[in-house]
Amino acid sequence: MAKKTVASLQTGEGRTFSKVIKMVKSPKTGAYTFQEEMVPNDKVKDFFAK
């Protein structure tokens, strides 16, 4: 029974987004922070260009 449930959940549409992490330097303290977002695969380069 479990095999049918797992097989039906794998439609292939779950991989249209990527988790991206960018290091950003704080202007006040100079410390680095990490900015994380879930971005569509075709917008990844735009995220890093900002």
PDB file of N, CA and C in Angstrom:
ATOM      1  N   MET A   1       0.819  -1.191   0.000  1.00  0.00           N
ATOM      2  CA  MET A   1       0.000   0.000   0.000  1.00  0.00           C
ATOM      3  C   MET A   1       0.871   1.266   0.000  1.00  0.00           C
ATOM      4  N   ALA A   2       1.941   1.252   0.750  1.00  0.00           N
ATOM      5  CA  ALA A   2       2.796   2.440   0.843  1.00  0.00           C
ATOM      6  C   ALA A   2       3.479   2.729  -0.491  1.00  0.00           C
ATOM      7  N   LYS A   3       3.801   1.697  -1.237  1.00  0.00           N
ATOM      8  CA  LYS A   3       4.474   1.915  -2.515  1.00  0.00           C
ATOM      9  C   LYS A   3       3.593   2.704  -3.482  1.00  0.00           C
ATOM     10  N   LYS A   4       2.286   2.454  -3.468  1.00  0.00           N
ATOM     11  CA  LYS A   4       1.376   3.196  -4.340  1.00  0.00           C
ATOM     12  C   LYS A   4       1.334   4.671  -3.941  1.00  0.00           C
ATOM     13  N   THR A   5       1.314   4.950  -2.642  1.00  0.00           N
ATOM     14  CA  THR A   5       1.255   6.330  -2.166  1.00  0.00           C
ATOM     15  C   THR A   5       2.507   7.090  -2.563  1.00  0.00           C
ATOM     16  N   VAL A   6       3.663   6.507  -2.363  1.00  0.00           N
ATOM     17  CA  VAL A   6       4.927   7.164  -2.697  1.00  0.00           C
ATOM     18  C   VAL A   6       5.031   7.368  -4.206  1.00  0.00           C
ATOM     19  N   ALA A   7       4.626   6.367  -4.974  1.00  0.00           N
ATOM     20  CA  ALA A   7       4.715   6.477  -6.430  1.00  0.00           C
ATOM     21  C   ALA A   7       3.774   7.550  -6.967  1.00  0.00           C
ATOM     22  N   SER A   8       2.630   7.736  -6.325  1.00  0.00           N
ATOM     23  CA  SER A   8       1.689   8.746  -6.821  1.00  0.00           C
ATOM     24  C   SER A   8       2.132  10.162  -6.467  1.00  0.00           C
ATOM     25  N   LEU A   9       2.969  10.325  -5.442  1.00  0.00           N
ATOM     26  CA  LEU A   9       3.430  11.655  -5.055  1.00  0.00           C
ATOM     27  C   LEU A   9       4.574  12.156  -5.930  1.00  0.00           C
ATOM     28  N   GLN A  10       5.242  11.288  -6.651  1.00  0.00           N
ATOM     29  CA  GLN A  10       6.379  11.681  -7.465  1.00  0.00           C
ATOM     30  C   GLN A  10       5.915  12.081  -8.860  1.00  0.00           C
ATOM     31  N   THR A  11       5.456  13.322  -8.989  1.00  0.00           N
ATOM     32  CA  THR A  11       4.965  13.799 -10.279  1.00  0.00           C
ATOM     33  C   THR A  11       6.045  14.530 -11.056  1.00  0.00           C
ATOM     34  N   GLY A  12       7.167  14.913 -10.399  1.00  0.00           N
ATOM     35  CA  GLY A  12       8.237  15.614 -11.070  1.00  0.00           C
ATOM     36  C   GLY A  12       8.093  17.119 -11.054  1.00  0.00           C
ATOM     37  N   GLU A  13       7.045  17.648 -10.442  1.00  0.00           N
ATOM     38  CA  GLU A  13       6.817  19.086 -10.417  1.00  0.00           C
ATOM     39  C   GLU A  13       7.430  19.750  -9.189  1.00  0.00           C
ATOM     40  N   GLY A  14       7.999  18.990  -8.279  1.00  0.00           N
ATOM     41  CA  GLY A  14       8.554  19.545  -7.060  1.00  0.00           C
ATOM     42  C   GLY A  14       9.920  20.180  -7.243  1.00  0.00           C
ATOM     43  N   ARG A  15      10.524  20.029  -8.378  1.00  0.00           N
ATOM     44  CA  ARG A  15      11.877  20.537  -8.575  1.00  0.00           C
ATOM     45  C   ARG A  15      11.906  21.793  -9.436  1.00  0.00           C
ATOM     46  N   THR A  16      10.858  22.574  -9.396  1.00  0.00           N
ATOM     47  CA  THR A  16      10.824  23.806 -10.170  1.00  0.00           C
ATOM     48  C   THR A  16      11.384  24.976  -9.368  1.00  0.00           C
ATOM     49  N   PHE A  17      11.652  24.770  -8.067  1.00  0.00           N
ATOM     50  CA  PHE A  17      12.205  25.811  -7.210  1.00  0.00           C
ATOM     51  C   PHE A  17      13.542  25.355  -6.654  1.00  0.00           C
ATOM     52  N   SER A  18      14.424  26.313  -6.384  1.00  0.00           N
ATOM     53  CA  SER A  18      15.712  26.037  -5.768  1.00  0.00           C
ATOM     54  C   SER A  18      15.877  26.922  -4.549  1.00  0.00           C
ATOM     55  N   LYS A  19      16.533  26.386  -3.530  1.00  0.00           N
ATOM     56  CA  LYS A  19      16.846  27.188  -2.353  1.00  0.00           C
ATOM     57  C   LYS A  19      18.213  27.824  -2.604  1.00  0.00           C
ATOM     58  N   VAL A  20      18.263  29.153  -2.590  1.00  0.00           N
ATOM     59  CA  VAL A  20      19.509  29.864  -2.847  1.00  0.00           C
ATOM     60  C   VAL A  20      19.914  30.626  -1.586  1.00  0.00           C
ATOM     61  N   ILE A  21      21.220  30.675  -1.356  1.00  0.00           N
ATOM     62  CA  ILE A  21      21.768  31.335  -0.177  1.00  0.00           C
ATOM     63  C   ILE A  21      22.837  32.318  -0.650  1.00  0.00           C
ATOM     64  N   LYS A  22      22.716  33.563  -0.213  1.00  0.00           N
ATOM     65  CA  LYS A  22      23.661  34.600  -0.609  1.00  0.00           C
ATOM     66  C   LYS A  22      24.219  35.270   0.638  1.00  0.00           C
ATOM     67  N   MET A  23      25.538  35.528   0.651  1.00  0.00           N
ATOM     68  CA  MET A  23      26.173  36.240   1.747  1.00  0.00           C
ATOM     69  C   MET A  23      26.044  37.738   1.511  1.00  0.00           C
ATOM     70  N   VAL A  24      25.559  38.472   2.516  1.00  0.00           N
ATOM     71  CA  VAL A  24      25.359  39.907   2.397  1.00  0.00           C
ATOM     72  C   VAL A  24      26.106  40.586   3.550  1.00  0.00           C
ATOM     73  N   LYS A  25      26.899  41.611   3.218  1.00  0.00           N
ATOM     74  CA  LYS A  25      27.648  42.333   4.241  1.00  0.00           C
ATOM     75  C   LYS A  25      26.802  43.481   4.787  1.00  0.00           C
ATOM     76  N   SER A  26      26.702  43.564   6.108  1.00  0.00           N
ATOM     77  CA  SER A  26      25.924  44.614   6.758  1.00  0.00           C
ATOM     78  C   SER A  26      26.685  45.934   6.680  1.00  0.00           C
ATOM     79  N   PRO A  27      26.027  47.013   6.248  1.00  0.00           N
ATOM     80  CA  PRO A  27      26.718  48.303   6.171  1.00  0.00           C
ATOM     81  C   PRO A  27      27.041  48.897   7.549  1.00  0.00           C
ATOM     82  N   LYS A  28      26.242  48.565   8.577  1.00  0.00           N
ATOM     83  CA  LYS A  28      26.469  49.110   9.918  1.00  0.00           C
ATOM     84  C   LYS A  28      27.664  48.458  10.615  1.00  0.00           C
ATOM     85  N   THR A  29      27.619  47.134  10.740  1.00  0.00           N
ATOM     86  CA  THR A  29      28.618  46.436  11.553  1.00  0.00           C
ATOM     87  C   THR A  29      29.734  45.829  10.725  1.00  0.00           C
ATOM     88  N   GLY A  30      29.509  45.613   9.448  1.00  0.00           N
ATOM     89  CA  GLY A  30      30.512  44.963   8.610  1.00  0.00           C
ATOM     90  C   GLY A  30      30.471  43.451   8.707  1.00  0.00           C
ATOM     91  N   ALA A  31      29.545  42.913   9.491  1.00  0.00           N
ATOM     92  CA  ALA A  31      29.412  41.463   9.627  1.00  0.00           C
ATOM     93  C   ALA A  31      28.629  40.910   8.446  1.00  0.00           C
ATOM     94  N   TYR A  32      28.903  39.670   8.136  1.00  0.00           N
ATOM     95  CA  TYR A  32      28.202  39.009   7.042  1.00  0.00           C
ATOM     96  C   TYR A  32      26.989  38.257   7.567  1.00  0.00           C
ATOM     97  N   THR A  33      25.893  38.332   6.827  1.00  0.00           N
ATOM     98  CA  THR A  33      24.690  37.563   7.125  1.00  0.00           C
ATOM     99  C   THR A  33      24.330  36.764   5.887  1.00  0.00           C
ATOM    100  N   PHE A  34      23.516  35.759   6.072  1.00  0.00           N
ATOM    101  CA  PHE A  34      23.102  34.909   4.965  1.00  0.00           C
ATOM    102  C   PHE A  34      21.638  35.168   4.646  1.00  0.00           C
ATOM    103  N   GLN A  35      21.365  35.380   3.369  1.00  0.00           N
ATOM    104  CA  GLN A  35      20.003  35.610   2.901  1.00  0.00           C
ATOM    105  C   GLN A  35      19.569  34.369   2.134  1.00  0.00           C
ATOM    106  N   GLU A  36      18.522  33.711   2.621  1.00  0.00           N
ATOM    107  CA  GLU A  36      18.020  32.487   2.001  1.00  0.00           C
ATOM    108  C   GLU A  36      16.653  32.740   1.387  1.00  0.00           C
ATOM    109  N   GLU A  37      16.415  32.160   0.210  1.00  0.00           N
ATOM    110  CA  GLU A  37      15.111  32.274  -0.447  1.00  0.00           C
ATOM    111  C   GLU A  37      14.852  31.042  -1.290  1.00  0.00           C
ATOM    112  N   MET A  38      13.574  30.769  -1.489  1.00  0.00           N
ATOM    113  CA  MET A  38      13.159  29.755  -2.452  1.00  0.00           C
ATOM    114  C   MET A  38      12.795  30.498  -3.733  1.00  0.00           C
ATOM    115  N   VAL A  39      13.509  30.196  -4.824  1.00  0.00           N
ATOM    116  CA  VAL A  39      13.391  30.950  -6.064  1.00  0.00           C
ATOM    117  C   VAL A  39      13.097  29.968  -7.196  1.00  0.00           C
ATOM    118  N   PRO A  40      12.244  30.349  -8.150  1.00  0.00           N
ATOM    119  CA  PRO A  40      12.053  29.486  -9.324  1.00  0.00           C
ATOM    120  C   PRO A  40      13.386  29.298 -10.065  1.00  0.00           C
ATOM    121  N   ASN A  41      13.560  28.149 -10.673  1.00  0.00           N
ATOM    122  CA  ASN A  41      14.835  27.819 -11.316  1.00  0.00           C
ATOM    123  C   ASN A  41      15.252  28.840 -12.367  1.00  0.00           C
ATOM    124  N   ASP A  42      14.317  29.440 -13.078  1.00  0.00           N
ATOM    125  CA  ASP A  42      14.689  30.389 -14.122  1.00  0.00           C
ATOM    126  C   ASP A  42      15.035  31.769 -13.568  1.00  0.00           C
ATOM    127  N   LYS A  43      14.839  32.023 -12.266  1.00  0.00           N
ATOM    128  CA  LYS A  43      15.127  33.326 -11.663  1.00  0.00           C
ATOM    129  C   LYS A  43      16.375  33.292 -10.767  1.00  0.00           C
ATOM    130  N   VAL A  44      17.125  32.207 -10.778  1.00  0.00           N
ATOM    131  CA  VAL A  44      18.282  32.079  -9.876  1.00  0.00           C
ATOM    132  C   VAL A  44      19.354  33.110 -10.213  1.00  0.00           C
ATOM    133  N   LYS A  45      19.665  33.288 -11.481  1.00  0.00           N
ATOM    134  CA  LYS A  45      20.694  34.254 -11.871  1.00  0.00           C
ATOM    135  C   LYS A  45      20.283  35.675 -11.530  1.00  0.00           C
ATOM    136  N   ASP A  46      18.992  35.987 -11.630  1.00  0.00           N
ATOM    137  CA  ASP A  46      18.504  37.315 -11.266  1.00  0.00           C
ATOM    138  C   ASP A  46      18.677  37.570  -9.763  1.00  0.00           C
ATOM    139  N   PHE A  47      18.483  36.533  -8.954  1.00  0.00           N
ATOM    140  CA  PHE A  47      18.638  36.668  -7.507  1.00  0.00           C
ATOM    141  C   PHE A  47      20.068  37.046  -7.151  1.00  0.00           C
ATOM    142  N   PHE A  48      21.047  36.417  -7.774  1.00  0.00           N
ATOM    143  CA  PHE A  48      22.441  36.709  -7.459  1.00  0.00           C
ATOM    144  C   PHE A  48      22.918  38.004  -8.103  1.00  0.00           C
ATOM    145  N   ALA A  49      22.224  38.499  -9.115  1.00  0.00           N
ATOM    146  CA  ALA A  49      22.616  39.742  -9.767  1.00  0.00           C
ATOM    147  C   ALA A  49      22.236  40.969  -8.934  1.00  0.00           C
ATOM    148  N   LYS A  50      21.254  40.825  -8.019  1.00  0.00           N
ATOM    149  CA  LYS A  50      20.804  41.957  -7.195  1.00  0.00           C
ATOM    150  C   LYS A  50      21.880  42.399  -6.259  1.00  0.00           C
TER     151      LYS A  50
END
